Protein backbone atom coordinates (compact mmCIF):
# COMPACT_ATOMS: atom_id res chain seq x y z
CA MET A 1 -181.22 -18.63 -2.88
CA THR A 2 -182.06 -18.20 0.79
CA ASP A 3 -184.92 -16.23 2.30
CA SER A 4 -183.65 -13.05 3.99
CA THR A 5 -186.95 -12.12 5.59
CA PRO A 6 -186.27 -11.11 9.22
CA GLU A 7 -187.82 -13.17 11.95
CA PRO A 8 -190.56 -11.42 13.92
CA PRO A 9 -189.55 -10.46 17.47
CA SER A 10 -190.72 -12.74 20.22
CA GLU A 11 -190.20 -13.07 23.93
CA GLU A 12 -188.09 -16.18 23.27
CA TYR A 13 -185.68 -14.33 20.97
CA LEU A 14 -183.47 -12.30 23.31
CA LEU A 15 -180.33 -10.36 22.46
CA THR A 16 -177.55 -9.31 24.81
CA SER A 17 -175.40 -6.20 24.65
CA GLN A 18 -172.07 -5.14 26.08
CA GLY A 19 -170.28 -1.81 26.11
CA TYR A 20 -166.49 -1.62 25.88
CA ARG A 21 -163.84 1.03 26.40
CA ILE A 22 -160.92 0.03 24.19
CA SER A 23 -157.41 1.46 24.49
CA VAL A 24 -154.74 1.02 21.83
CA ASP A 25 -151.20 2.29 21.28
CA GLU A 26 -150.25 1.60 24.91
CA GLY A 27 -153.22 3.66 26.14
CA ARG A 28 -152.62 6.75 23.97
CA GLU A 29 -155.85 6.22 21.99
CA THR A 30 -159.16 5.24 23.58
CA PHE A 31 -162.56 4.66 22.00
CA TYR A 32 -165.87 3.08 22.91
CA ALA A 33 -167.61 0.15 21.24
CA LEU A 34 -170.97 -1.55 21.56
CA SER A 35 -171.65 -5.22 20.86
CA ILE A 36 -175.12 -6.72 20.29
CA GLU A 37 -175.25 -10.51 20.22
CA ASP A 38 -177.59 -13.48 20.00
CA PRO A 39 -176.35 -15.73 22.82
CA ASP A 40 -177.72 -18.82 21.05
CA ASN A 41 -175.89 -18.21 17.76
CA GLU A 42 -172.17 -17.38 17.79
CA ASP A 43 -172.39 -16.16 14.18
CA ALA A 44 -175.09 -13.54 14.95
CA TRP A 45 -173.48 -10.41 16.36
CA LEU A 46 -172.88 -6.75 15.56
CA MET A 47 -170.13 -4.52 16.90
CA SER A 48 -169.86 -0.77 16.38
CA ASP A 49 -167.01 1.52 17.33
CA THR A 50 -169.04 4.68 16.67
CA VAL A 51 -170.90 4.76 19.96
CA ARG A 52 -171.69 8.30 21.05
CA SER A 53 -173.96 9.71 23.68
CA LEU A 54 -176.93 11.79 22.58
CA ASP A 55 -175.40 14.78 24.40
CA ASP A 56 -172.30 14.55 22.18
CA ALA A 57 -174.39 14.38 19.01
CA LEU A 58 -175.87 17.86 19.47
């Protein structure tokens, strides 16, 4: 069994993020996505297609 305890944050452990506007069905449908990645580990990333602004959440 492996230890799943998260590593404590440090100044050396930096994440990057990107925002995307994605169009499908020849541009008929558009949605937004957010990606958070560890640039030093290609297996450590998270992508969400439920990005909303706080103004839209009210």
